[in-house]
């Protein structure tokens, strides 16, 4: 039987917030695993979190094939989520992603590092919206 790692209270609360918002959000933990994306994010992701489940953020980035609006591939460390994760600071940007269903989307993204009351890093939350 596979043991599931216990989620921190910070991640549990972030997921609760994301679940109750109509804004697309994804959450990654402190080791870089995508641990949740909400229902509004499913349209851009091109699939349901319940079907996809947790996955490494590197695999997730590879699947979504992020690129600049000019079509230049983006490395993880160039994306708002990658910056928030690596540099532990908020970041914002515009990019294009390809959903798991093959649909391309241009999105604005703001990513925030998640710190607990003791200052410990717990992961990131990325909030995004599709541009018309």
Protein backbone atom coordinates (compact mmCIF):
# COMPACT_ATOMS: atom_id res chain seq x y z
CA UNK A 1 0.00 0.00 0.00
CA UNK A 2 1.33 3.47 -0.95
CA UNK A 3 1.59 5.96 1.90
CA UNK A 4 0.34 9.46 1.10
CA UNK A 5 2.34 12.27 2.59
CA UNK A 6 0.51 14.51 5.03
CA UNK A 7 -0.31 17.94 3.58
CA UNK A 8 0.57 21.03 5.55
CA UNK A 9 -2.20 23.21 6.95
CA UNK A 10 -1.06 25.99 4.60
CA UNK A 11 -1.67 23.76 1.55
CA UNK A 12 -4.99 22.53 2.94
CA UNK A 13 -6.16 26.12 3.43
CA UNK A 14 -4.90 27.14 -0.04
CA UNK A 15 -6.84 24.26 -1.58
CA UNK A 16 -9.97 25.26 0.35
CA UNK A 17 -9.64 28.81 -0.97
CA UNK A 18 -9.08 27.59 -4.55
CA UNK A 19 -12.06 25.24 -4.34
CA UNK A 20 -14.35 28.13 -3.45
CA UNK A 21 -13.21 30.59 -6.12
CA UNK A 22 -14.30 30.89 -9.74
CA UNK A 23 -10.76 31.93 -10.71
CA UNK A 24 -8.48 29.20 -12.12
CA UNK A 25 -5.80 28.25 -9.58
CA UNK A 26 -3.16 25.59 -9.24
CA UNK A 27 -1.15 24.71 -6.13
CA UNK A 28 2.25 23.06 -5.90
CA UNK A 29 3.93 21.89 -2.70
CA UNK A 30 7.41 22.68 -1.39
CA UNK A 31 9.04 19.76 -3.23
CA UNK A 32 7.58 20.75 -6.58
CA UNK A 33 4.58 18.46 -6.95
CA UNK A 34 1.37 19.83 -8.42
CA UNK A 35 -1.04 18.95 -5.61
CA UNK A 36 -4.26 20.57 -6.84
CA UNK A 37 -5.97 22.61 -9.50
CA UNK A 38 -9.54 23.78 -9.13
CA UNK A 39 -12.53 23.22 -11.39
CA UNK A 40 -12.21 26.56 -13.24
CA UNK A 41 -8.60 25.62 -14.08
CA UNK A 42 -9.80 22.38 -15.68
CA UNK A 43 -10.96 24.22 -18.81
CA UNK A 44 -7.47 25.57 -19.43
CA UNK A 45 -5.74 22.39 -18.28
CA UNK A 46 -7.91 20.37 -20.65
CA UNK A 47 -8.67 17.73 -18.02
CA UNK A 48 -9.93 17.16 -14.51
CA UNK A 49 -7.68 17.11 -11.47
CA UNK A 50 -9.62 14.11 -10.13
CA UNK A 51 -8.58 12.14 -13.23
CA UNK A 52 -5.04 13.53 -13.40
CA UNK A 53 -4.11 13.57 -9.72
CA UNK A 54 -0.89 14.82 -8.21
CA UNK A 55 2.09 14.97 -10.53
CA UNK A 56 5.55 16.48 -10.51
CA UNK A 57 5.52 20.09 -11.62
CA UNK A 58 8.24 19.28 -14.16
CA UNK A 59 5.97 16.71 -15.82
CA UNK A 60 3.06 19.16 -15.67
CA UNK A 61 5.12 21.91 -17.33
CA UNK A 62 6.26 19.47 -20.02
CA UNK A 63 2.64 18.44 -20.73
CA UNK A 64 1.38 22.03 -21.01
CA UNK A 65 4.27 23.09 -23.28
CA UNK A 66 4.39 26.73 -22.08
CA UNK A 67 5.67 29.38 -24.45
CA UNK A 68 5.83 33.13 -24.84
CA UNK A 69 3.06 34.81 -26.80
CA UNK A 70 5.61 34.93 -29.65
CA UNK A 71 5.96 31.14 -29.58
CA UNK A 72 9.34 30.81 -27.80
CA UNK A 73 9.39 27.85 -25.39
CA UNK A 74 9.50 28.83 -21.73
CA UNK A 75 11.62 27.00 -19.19
CA UNK A 76 10.08 26.46 -15.76
CA UNK A 77 12.35 29.08 -14.18
CA UNK A 78 11.07 31.70 -16.65
CA UNK A 79 7.42 31.19 -15.75
CA UNK A 80 5.69 33.00 -12.87
CA UNK A 81 5.20 29.71 -10.99
CA UNK A 82 8.83 28.74 -11.45
CA UNK A 83 10.01 32.15 -10.26
CA UNK A 84 7.73 32.03 -7.19
CA UNK A 85 9.03 28.53 -6.41
CA UNK A 86 12.75 29.12 -6.95
CA UNK A 87 13.07 32.70 -5.77
CA UNK A 88 10.34 32.61 -3.10
CA UNK A 89 8.77 35.83 -4.40
CA UNK A 90 5.59 36.78 -6.29
CA UNK A 91 5.80 36.89 -10.08
CA UNK A 92 3.47 37.77 -12.94
CA UNK A 93 3.50 37.17 -16.68
CA UNK A 94 1.67 36.33 -19.89
CA UNK A 95 2.20 33.02 -21.67
CA UNK A 96 0.59 30.43 -23.88
CA UNK A 97 -0.08 26.87 -22.80
CA UNK A 98 -1.51 23.84 -24.54
CA UNK A 99 -4.11 21.98 -22.51
CA UNK A 100 -4.08 18.21 -22.20
CA UNK A 101 -6.91 18.25 -24.77
CA UNK A 102 -4.68 20.01 -27.35
CA UNK A 103 -6.38 23.41 -27.02
CA UNK A 104 -4.05 26.43 -26.85
CA UNK A 105 -4.69 29.21 -24.34
CA UNK A 106 -3.08 32.58 -23.73
CA UNK A 107 -3.11 33.28 -20.00
CA UNK A 108 -2.05 35.94 -17.53
CA UNK A 109 -0.56 34.32 -14.45
CA UNK A 110 0.28 35.59 -10.99
CA UNK A 111 2.12 33.17 -8.74
CA UNK A 112 2.71 33.56 -5.01
CA UNK A 113 4.95 31.63 -2.64
CA UNK A 114 3.06 30.16 0.32
CA UNK A 115 4.68 30.66 3.69
CA UNK A 116 3.38 29.48 7.06
CA UNK A 117 3.17 31.59 10.22
CA UNK A 118 6.69 30.49 11.14
CA UNK A 119 8.08 31.64 7.77
CA UNK A 120 8.49 28.08 6.43
CA UNK A 121 7.98 27.69 2.66
CA UNK A 122 5.09 25.32 1.83
CA UNK A 123 4.76 25.74 -1.94
CA UNK A 124 3.14 28.10 -4.42
CA UNK A 125 -0.27 29.16 -5.62
CA UNK A 126 -0.68 30.30 -9.23
CA UNK A 127 -3.76 32.27 -10.20
CA UNK A 128 -4.46 32.70 -13.87
CA UNK A 129 -7.06 33.86 -16.34
CA UNK A 130 -7.44 33.40 -20.05
CA UNK A 131 -7.06 36.37 -22.36
CA UNK A 132 -9.55 36.87 -25.16
